[in-house]
C-alpha atoms as a PDB file:
ATOM      1  CA  UNK A   1     123.494  91.892  61.949  1.00  0.00           C
ATOM      2  CA  UNK A   2     126.079  90.440  64.313  1.00  0.00           C
ATOM      3  CA  UNK A   3     127.559  87.028  63.643  1.00  0.00           C
ATOM      4  CA  UNK A   4     127.050  84.268  66.192  1.00  0.00           C
ATOM      5  CA  UNK A   5     130.549  84.939  67.570  1.00  0.00           C
ATOM      6  CA  UNK A   6     129.690  88.610  68.016  1.00  0.00           C
ATOM      7  CA  UNK A   7     126.280  88.005  69.513  1.00  0.00           C
ATOM      8  CA  UNK A   8     125.631  90.267  72.449  1.00  0.00           C
ATOM      9  CA  UNK A   9     123.890  89.378  75.676  1.00  0.00           C
ATOM     10  CA  UNK A  10     121.783  91.164  78.250  1.00  0.00           C
ATOM     11  CA  UNK A  11     121.482  89.960  81.821  1.00  0.00           C
ATOM     12  CA  UNK A  12     118.699  91.593  83.822  1.00  0.00           C
ATOM     13  CA  UNK A  13     120.158  91.346  87.307  1.00  0.00           C
ATOM     14  CA  UNK A  14     118.611  91.746  90.739  1.00  0.00           C
ATOM     15  CA  UNK A  15     121.334  93.134  93.007  1.00  0.00           C
ATOM     16  CA  UNK A  16     119.424  92.676  96.259  1.00  0.00           C
ATOM     17  CA  UNK A  17     119.070  95.515  98.788  1.00  0.00           C
ATOM     18  CA  UNK A  18     122.383  97.089  97.804  1.00  0.00           C
ATOM     19  CA  UNK A  19     124.949  95.723 100.245  1.00  0.00           C
ATOM     20  CA  UNK A  20     127.669  93.654  98.563  1.00  0.00           C
ATOM     21  CA  UNK A  21     127.233  90.700 100.909  1.00  0.00           C
ATOM     22  CA  UNK A  22     123.492  90.508 100.137  1.00  0.00           C
ATOM     23  CA  UNK A  23     124.028  90.040  96.398  1.00  0.00           C
ATOM     24  CA  UNK A  24     123.767  86.459  95.138  1.00  0.00           C
ATOM     25  CA  UNK A  25     126.812  84.763  93.645  1.00  0.00           C
ATOM     26  CA  UNK A  26     125.020  84.431  90.307  1.00  0.00           C
ATOM     27  CA  UNK A  27     124.222  88.144  90.258  1.00  0.00           C
ATOM     28  CA  UNK A  28     127.808  89.066  91.128  1.00  0.00           C
ATOM     29  CA  UNK A  29     129.171  86.839  88.357  1.00  0.00           C
ATOM     30  CA  UNK A  30     126.758  88.236  85.764  1.00  0.00           C
ATOM     31  CA  UNK A  31     127.841  91.790  86.553  1.00  0.00           C
ATOM     32  CA  UNK A  32     131.537  90.908  86.794  1.00  0.00           C
ATOM     33  CA  UNK A  33     131.464  89.231  83.366  1.00  0.00           C
ATOM     34  CA  UNK A  34     129.702  92.161  81.704  1.00  0.00           C
ATOM     35  CA  UNK A  35     131.269  94.915  79.609  1.00  0.00           C
ATOM     36  CA  UNK A  36     128.548  97.453  80.395  1.00  0.00           C
ATOM     37  CA  UNK A  37     126.502  98.037  83.548  1.00  0.00           C
ATOM     38  CA  UNK A  38     123.246  99.925  83.008  1.00  0.00           C
ATOM     39  CA  UNK A  39     120.580 100.977  85.488  1.00  0.00           C
ATOM     40  CA  UNK A  40     118.859 103.676  87.499  1.00  0.00           C
ATOM     41  CA  UNK A  41     121.481 106.155  88.717  1.00  0.00           C
ATOM     42  CA  UNK A  42     121.024 105.291  92.409  1.00  0.00           C
ATOM     43  CA  UNK A  43     121.581 101.577  91.770  1.00  0.00           C
ATOM     44  CA  UNK A  44     124.563 102.179  89.495  1.00  0.00           C
ATOM     45  CA  UNK A  45     126.161 104.244  92.265  1.00  0.00           C
ATOM     46  CA  UNK A  46     125.713 101.313  94.658  1.00  0.00           C
ATOM     47  CA  UNK A  47     127.876  98.966  92.560  1.00  0.00           C
ATOM     48  CA  UNK A  48     130.416 101.300  90.944  1.00  0.00           C
ATOM     49  CA  UNK A  49     133.127 100.712  93.526  1.00  0.00           C
ATOM     50  CA  UNK A  50     132.675  96.933  93.364  1.00  0.00           C
ATOM     51  CA  UNK A  51     133.154  96.743  89.609  1.00  0.00           C
ATOM     52  CA  UNK A  52     135.878  99.179  88.534  1.00  0.00           C
ATOM     53  CA  UNK A  53     136.809  99.367  84.892  1.00  0.00           C
ATOM     54  CA  UNK A  54     133.302  98.802  83.572  1.00  0.00           C
ATOM     55  CA  UNK A  55     131.347 101.122  81.328  1.00  0.00           C
ATOM     56  CA  UNK A  56     128.407 102.562  83.258  1.00  0.00           C
ATOM     57  CA  UNK A  57     125.177 103.861  81.744  1.00  0.00           C
ATOM     58  CA  UNK A  58     122.499 105.418  83.966  1.00  0.00           C
ATOM     59  CA  UNK A  59     119.145 107.110  83.533  1.00  0.00           C
ATOM     60  CA  UNK A  60     116.984 109.024  86.044  1.00  0.00           C
ATOM     61  CA  UNK A  61     113.846 107.762  87.757  1.00  0.00           C
ATOM     62  CA  UNK A  62     110.776 107.094  85.594  1.00  0.00           C
ATOM     63  CA  UNK A  63     112.880 106.503  82.460  1.00  0.00           C
ATOM     64  CA  UNK A  64     112.503 102.720  82.556  1.00  0.00           C
ATOM     65  CA  UNK A  65     111.649 102.178  78.891  1.00  0.00           C
ATOM     66  CA  UNK A  66     114.550 104.349  77.790  1.00  0.00           C
ATOM     67  CA  UNK A  67     116.843 102.429  80.148  1.00  0.00           C
ATOM     68  CA  UNK A  68     115.813  99.045  78.766  1.00  0.00           C
ATOM     69  CA  UNK A  69     116.148 100.224  75.154  1.00  0.00           C
ATOM     70  CA  UNK A  70     119.606 101.605  75.919  1.00  0.00           C
ATOM     71  CA  UNK A  71     120.720  98.290  77.413  1.00  0.00           C
ATOM     72  CA  UNK A  72     119.271  96.294  74.513  1.00  0.00           C
ATOM     73  CA  UNK A  73     120.960  98.517  71.923  1.00  0.00           C
ATOM     74  CA  UNK A  74     124.320  98.092  73.634  1.00  0.00           C
ATOM     75  CA  UNK A  75     123.839  94.315  73.652  1.00  0.00           C
ATOM     76  CA  UNK A  76     122.796  94.387  69.987  1.00  0.00           C
ATOM     77  CA  UNK A  77     126.243  95.824  69.230  1.00  0.00           C
ATOM     78  CA  UNK A  78     127.814  92.639  70.552  1.00  0.00           C
ATOM     79  CA  UNK A  79     128.505  93.709  74.140  1.00  0.00           C
ATOM     80  CA  UNK A  80     127.789  91.848  77.364  1.00  0.00           C
ATOM     81  CA  UNK A  81     125.402  94.081  79.290  1.00  0.00           C
ATOM     82  CA  UNK A  82     124.128  93.840  82.853  1.00  0.00           C
ATOM     83  CA  UNK A  83     120.940  95.822  83.467  1.00  0.00           C
ATOM     84  CA  UNK A  84     120.723  96.066  87.234  1.00  0.00           C
ATOM     85  CA  UNK A  85     117.611  96.400  89.415  1.00  0.00           C
ATOM     86  CA  UNK A  86     117.318  96.614  93.184  1.00  0.00           C
ATOM     87  CA  UNK A  87     115.990  93.528  94.925  1.00  0.00           C
ATOM     88  CA  UNK A  88     114.829  90.991  92.345  1.00  0.00           C
ATOM     89  CA  UNK A  89     114.645  91.904  88.653  1.00  0.00           C
ATOM     90  CA  UNK A  90     111.302  90.109  88.347  1.00  0.00           C
ATOM     91  CA  UNK A  91     109.617  91.727  91.365  1.00  0.00           C
ATOM     92  CA  UNK A  92     108.728  95.323  90.427  1.00  0.00           C
ATOM     93  CA  UNK A  93     111.924  95.211  88.336  1.00  0.00           C
ATOM     94  CA  UNK A  94     112.710  95.510  84.651  1.00  0.00           C
ATOM     95  CA  UNK A  95     112.720  91.856  83.583  1.00  0.00           C
ATOM     96  CA  UNK A  96     109.167  92.018  82.244  1.00  0.00           C
ATOM     97  CA  UNK A  97     109.718  95.223  80.253  1.00  0.00           C
ATOM     98  CA  UNK A  98     112.937  93.878  78.730  1.00  0.00           C
ATOM     99  CA  UNK A  99     111.191  90.696  77.613  1.00  0.00           C
ATOM    100  CA  UNK A 100     108.334  92.731  76.137  1.00  0.00           C
ATOM    101  CA  UNK A 101     110.861  94.721  74.094  1.00  0.00           C
ATOM    102  CA  UNK A 102     113.055  91.727  73.251  1.00  0.00           C
ATOM    103  CA  UNK A 103     111.355  90.810  69.915  1.00  0.00           C
ATOM    104  CA  UNK A 104     112.769  94.048  68.474  1.00  0.00           C
ATOM    105  CA  UNK A 105     116.287  92.750  69.246  1.00  0.00           C
ATOM    106  CA  UNK A 106     116.284  89.086  68.133  1.00  0.00           C
ATOM    107  CA  UNK A 107     120.085  88.993  68.024  1.00  0.00           C
ATOM    108  CA  UNK A 108     120.360  89.606  71.792  1.00  0.00           C
ATOM    109  CA  UNK A 109     120.489  86.682  74.211  1.00  0.00           C
ATOM    110  CA  UNK A 110     118.585  87.593  77.383  1.00  0.00           C
ATOM    111  CA  UNK A 111     118.967  86.105  80.855  1.00  0.00           C
ATOM    112  CA  UNK A 112     117.068  87.031  84.016  1.00  0.00           C
ATOM    113  CA  UNK A 113     119.191  86.727  87.160  1.00  0.00           C
ATOM    114  CA  UNK A 114     117.254  86.652  90.453  1.00  0.00           C
ATOM    115  CA  UNK A 115     118.105  88.677  93.528  1.00  0.00           C
ATOM    116  CA  UNK A 116     116.917  89.040  97.105  1.00  0.00           C
ATOM    117  CA  UNK A 117     113.790  91.187  97.100  1.00  0.00           C
ATOM    118  CA  UNK A 118     112.912  93.536  99.985  1.00  0.00           C
ATOM    119  CA  UNK A 119     110.115  91.274 101.200  1.00  0.00           C
ATOM    120  CA  UNK A 120     112.706  88.616 102.032  1.00  0.00           C
ATOM    121  CA  UNK A 121     115.600  90.749 103.232  1.00  0.00           C
ATOM    122  CA  UNK A 122     113.301  92.980 105.283  1.00  0.00           C
ATOM    123  CA  UNK A 123     111.499  89.999 106.788  1.00  0.00           C
ATOM    124  CA  UNK A 124     114.826  88.577 107.959  1.00  0.00           C
ATOM    125  CA  UNK A 125     115.610  91.835 109.736  1.00  0.00           C
ATOM    126  CA  UNK A 126     112.256  91.770 111.562  1.00  0.00           C
ATOM    127  CA  UNK A 127     112.285  88.076 112.452  1.00  0.00           C
ATOM    128  CA  UNK A 128     109.955  85.716 110.621  1.00  0.00           C
ATOM    129  CA  UNK A 129     106.781  87.553 109.551  1.00  0.00           C
ATOM    130  CA  UNK A 130     106.345  85.678 106.249  1.00  0.00           C
ATOM    131  CA  UNK A 131     106.476  82.063 107.401  1.00  0.00           C
ATOM    132  CA  UNK A 132     102.936  81.471 106.125  1.00  0.00           C
ATOM    133  CA  UNK A 133     101.094  82.697 102.990  1.00  0.00           C
ATOM    134  CA  UNK A 134     101.668  86.342 102.175  1.00  0.00           C
ATOM    135  CA  UNK A 135     100.873  88.982  99.563  1.00  0.00           C
ATOM    136  CA  UNK A 136     103.103  91.722  98.173  1.00  0.00           C
ATOM    137  CA  UNK A 137     101.370  94.971  97.147  1.00  0.00           C
ATOM    138  CA  UNK A 138     102.893  98.196  95.837  1.00  0.00           C
ATOM    139  CA  UNK A 139     101.235 101.422  96.958  1.00  0.00           C
ATOM    140  CA  UNK A 140     102.564 103.295  93.928  1.00  0.00           C
ATOM    141  CA  UNK A 141      99.730 104.349  91.634  1.00  0.00           C
ATOM    142  CA  UNK A 142     101.988 105.469  88.775  1.00  0.00           C
ATOM    143  CA  UNK A 143     101.018 102.406  86.740  1.00  0.00           C
ATOM    144  CA  UNK A 144      98.237 100.868  88.846  1.00  0.00           C
ATOM    145  CA  UNK A 145      95.009 102.789  89.602  1.00  0.00           C
ATOM    146  CA  UNK A 146      94.482 103.510  93.301  1.00  0.00           C
ATOM    147  CA  UNK A 147      91.076 101.815  93.081  1.00  0.00           C
ATOM    148  CA  UNK A 148      92.828  98.574  92.116  1.00  0.00           C
ATOM    149  CA  UNK A 149      95.319  98.953  94.964  1.00  0.00           C
ATOM    150  CA  UNK A 150      92.444  99.483  97.425  1.00  0.00           C
ATOM    151  CA  UNK A 151      90.753  96.306  96.198  1.00  0.00           C
ATOM    152  CA  UNK A 152      93.940  94.289  96.563  1.00  0.00           C
ATOM    153  CA  UNK A 153      94.465  95.584 100.109  1.00  0.00           C
ATOM    154  CA  UNK A 154      90.928  94.655 101.124  1.00  0.00           C
ATOM    155  CA  UNK A 155      91.105  91.212  99.538  1.00  0.00           C
ATOM    156  CA  UNK A 156      94.491  90.433 101.113  1.00  0.00           C
ATOM    157  CA  UNK A 157      93.267  91.475 104.552  1.00  0.00           C
ATOM    158  CA  UNK A 158      90.052  89.499 104.226  1.00  0.00           C
ATOM    159  CA  UNK A 159      92.015  86.431 103.087  1.00  0.00           C
ATOM    160  CA  UNK A 160      94.250  86.734 106.178  1.00  0.00           C
ATOM    161  CA  UNK A 161      97.497  87.068 104.257  1.00  0.00           C
ATOM    162  CA  UNK A 162     100.512  88.631 105.866  1.00  0.00           C
ATOM    163  CA  UNK A 163     101.068  91.684 103.663  1.00  0.00           C
ATOM    164  CA  UNK A 164     104.235  93.371 102.434  1.00  0.00           C
ATOM    165  CA  UNK A 165     103.845  96.943 101.187  1.00  0.00           C
ATOM    166  CA  UNK A 166     106.347  98.295  98.666  1.00  0.00           C
ATOM    167  CA  UNK A 167     106.636 101.986  97.708  1.00  0.00           C
ATOM    168  CA  UNK A 168     104.639 103.090 100.752  1.00  0.00           C
ATOM    169  CA  UNK A 169     105.230 106.813 100.389  1.00  0.00           C
ATOM    170  CA  UNK A 170     106.862 109.594  98.389  1.00  0.00           C
ATOM    171  CA  UNK A 171     106.753 113.381  98.325  1.00  0.00           C
ATOM    172  CA  UNK A 172     103.652 113.278  96.139  1.00  0.00           C
ATOM    173  CA  UNK A 173     102.109 110.334  98.019  1.00  0.00           C
ATOM    174  CA  UNK A 174     102.819 111.312 101.612  1.00  0.00           C
ATOM    175  CA  UNK A 175      99.489 110.017 102.931  1.00  0.00           C
ATOM    176  CA  UNK A 176      99.300 106.722 101.012  1.00  0.00           C
ATOM    177  CA  UNK A 177     100.452 104.509 103.864  1.00  0.00           C
ATOM    178  CA  UNK A 178      97.911 106.149 106.170  1.00  0.00           C
ATOM    179  CA  UNK A 179      95.201 105.538 103.568  1.00  0.00           C
ATOM    180  CA  UNK A 180      96.296 101.917 103.207  1.00  0.00           C
ATOM    181  CA  UNK A 181      96.178 101.425 106.983  1.00  0.00           C
ATOM    182  CA  UNK A 182      92.659 102.823 107.145  1.00  0.00           C
ATOM    183  CA  UNK A 183      91.574 100.313 104.500  1.00  0.00           C
ATOM    184  CA  UNK A 184      93.225  97.443 106.372  1.00  0.00           C
ATOM    185  CA  UNK A 185      91.617  98.584 109.637  1.00  0.00           C
ATOM    186  CA  UNK A 186      88.227  97.887 108.074  1.00  0.00           C
ATOM    187  CA  UNK A 187      89.095  94.191 108.509  1.00  0.00           C
ATOM    188  CA  UNK A 188      92.077  93.942 110.842  1.00  0.00           C
ATOM    189  CA  UNK A 189      92.230  94.931 114.537  1.00  0.00           C
ATOM    190  CA  UNK A 190      94.119  98.085 115.600  1.00  0.00           C
ATOM    191  CA  UNK A 191      96.551  95.932 117.626  1.00  0.00           C
ATOM    192  CA  UNK A 192      97.590  93.923 114.550  1.00  0.00           C
ATOM    193  CA  UNK A 193     101.375  93.426 114.687  1.00  0.00           C
ATOM    194  CA  UNK A 194     103.248  95.332 111.955  1.00  0.00           C
ATOM    195  CA  UNK A 195     106.831  96.254 111.164  1.00  0.00           C
ATOM    196  CA  UNK A 196     108.911  98.566 109.000  1.00  0.00           C
ATOM    197  CA  UNK A 197     112.454  98.292 107.690  1.00  0.00           C
ATOM    198  CA  UNK A 198     114.264 101.242 106.127  1.00  0.00           C
ATOM    199  CA  UNK A 199     117.491 101.139 104.097  1.00  0.00           C
ATOM    200  CA  UNK A 200     117.723  97.358 104.193  1.00  0.00           C
ATOM    201  CA  UNK A 201     121.368  96.309 104.126  1.00  0.00           C
ATOM    202  CA  UNK A 202     122.571  99.898 103.725  1.00  0.00           C
ATOM    203  CA  UNK A 203     123.927 102.641 105.938  1.00  0.00           C
ATOM    204  CA  UNK A 204     121.271 103.946 108.317  1.00  0.00           C
ATOM    205  CA  UNK A 205     119.234 100.738 108.408  1.00  0.00           C
ATOM    206  CA  UNK A 206     116.286 101.026 110.807  1.00  0.00           C
ATOM    207  CA  UNK A 207     113.701  98.500 111.969  1.00  0.00           C
ATOM    208  CA  UNK A 208     110.533  99.071 113.948  1.00  0.00           C
ATOM    209  CA  UNK A 209     107.738  96.868 115.261  1.00  0.00           C
ATOM    210  CA  UNK A 210     104.413  98.521 115.973  1.00  0.00           C
ATOM    211  CA  UNK A 211     100.663  98.028 115.808  1.00  0.00           C
ATOM    212  CA  UNK A 212      98.530  98.743 112.766  1.00  0.00           C
ATOM    213  CA  UNK A 213      97.018 101.721 114.572  1.00  0.00           C
ATOM    214  CA  UNK A 214     100.496 103.098 115.285  1.00  0.00           C
ATOM    215  CA  UNK A 215     101.597 102.397 111.715  1.00  0.00           C
ATOM    216  CA  UNK A 216      98.875 104.695 110.435  1.00  0.00           C
ATOM    217  CA  UNK A 217     100.693 107.689 111.938  1.00  0.00           C
ATOM    218  CA  UNK A 218     104.278 106.744 111.049  1.00  0.00           C
ATOM    219  CA  UNK A 219     106.101 108.712 108.361  1.00  0.00           C
ATOM    220  CA  UNK A 220     107.988 106.515 105.903  1.00  0.00           C
ATOM    221  CA  UNK A 221     109.710 106.972 102.533  1.00  0.00           C
ATOM    222  CA  UNK A 222     110.437 105.056  99.334  1.00  0.00           C
ATOM    223  CA  UNK A 223     113.351 103.268 101.008  1.00  0.00           C
ATOM    224  CA  UNK A 224     111.002 101.695 103.575  1.00  0.00           C
ATOM    225  CA  UNK A 225     109.321  98.303 103.303  1.00  0.00           C
ATOM    226  CA  UNK A 226     106.233  97.751 105.450  1.00  0.00           C
ATOM    227  CA  UNK A 227     105.031  94.447 106.894  1.00  0.00           C
ATOM    228  CA  UNK A 228     101.515  93.799 108.176  1.00  0.00           C
ATOM    229  CA  UNK A 229     101.059  90.499 109.956  1.00  0.00           C
ATOM    230  CA  UNK A 230      98.139  88.111 109.632  1.00  0.00           C
ATOM    231  CA  UNK A 231      95.804  87.320 112.511  1.00  0.00           C
ATOM    232  CA  UNK A 232      98.306  84.842 113.974  1.00  0.00           C
ATOM    233  CA  UNK A 233     101.344  87.126 113.843  1.00  0.00           C
ATOM    234  CA  UNK A 234     102.770  88.065 117.215  1.00  0.00           C
ATOM    235  CA  UNK A 235     105.589  90.013 118.747  1.00  0.00           C
ATOM    236  CA  UNK A 236     108.183  87.950 120.551  1.00  0.00           C
ATOM    237  CA  UNK A 237     110.611  90.331 122.253  1.00  0.00           C
ATOM    238  CA  UNK A 238     111.945  92.534 119.456  1.00  0.00           C
ATOM    239  CA  UNK A 239     110.909  90.079 116.738  1.00  0.00           C
ATOM    240  CA  UNK A 240     107.842  89.831 114.505  1.00  0.00           C
ATOM    241  CA  UNK A 241     106.800  86.201 114.066  1.00  0.00           C
ATOM    242  CA  UNK A 242     104.014  84.536 112.100  1.00  0.00           C
ATOM    243  CA  UNK A 243     103.534  80.946 113.328  1.00  0.00           C
ATOM    244  CA  UNK A 244     103.461  78.235 110.678  1.00  0.00           C
ATOM    245  CA  UNK A 245     101.386  75.932 112.876  1.00  0.00           C
ATOM    246  CA  UNK A 246     104.052  73.403 113.875  1.00  0.00           C
ATOM    247  CA  UNK A 247     103.177  73.577 117.571  1.00  0.00           C
ATOM    248  CA  UNK A 248      99.565  74.706 117.858  1.00  0.00           C
ATOM    249  CA  UNK A 249      99.386  73.681 121.508  1.00  0.00           C
ATOM    250  CA  UNK A 250     101.704  76.577 122.361  1.00  0.00           C
END
């Protein structure tokens, strides 16, 4: 077992959307102070140029448990490790899995470093769609049954939350956003204001404001975040805005 002086550490770091200027100072410092940077290959590639001279460890998609174990083992050897996640490490990230596995590595000091999740960075690109209460729902059914996702969509719409949809589509789930829209249309009007943001903070960034009916026919991918307004959300020019209620007389 390592001595106290040799004790390793693991920082689970949210790097934000991927652009250097959208990473928090705390996240940047945690990565800069690390010996090893571990993560999904796509995210590692995003930071390689910013942190030359580091040791990089990457695994493919859907190898999350292996990735966390790899990072923990490196830290157990006395190294400072940064396990990076896109957005925020605690929002569909790896912070929870690392903490579940942490009892097997009692010698490792673990820190969770927050980042800017897509709900926030995407909302800023669209305007102000999340000023009031909102719900975040992933359409990926890899770990959540579709029946549960359907229930969450219905409940969020009935409760009049603005809704952010993560993982709206993939090659195997090409029709999931359409299916989600059809569920939301059971409660919400076709003219409900919606928006999409693709490649937030990266090359090729695209934003779009549309209606819920139009959204049903739009093709998106895993790099797209979808926003569905609540009943008060409106389009103001090229912005999507959900009033907070400060000036109801307007």
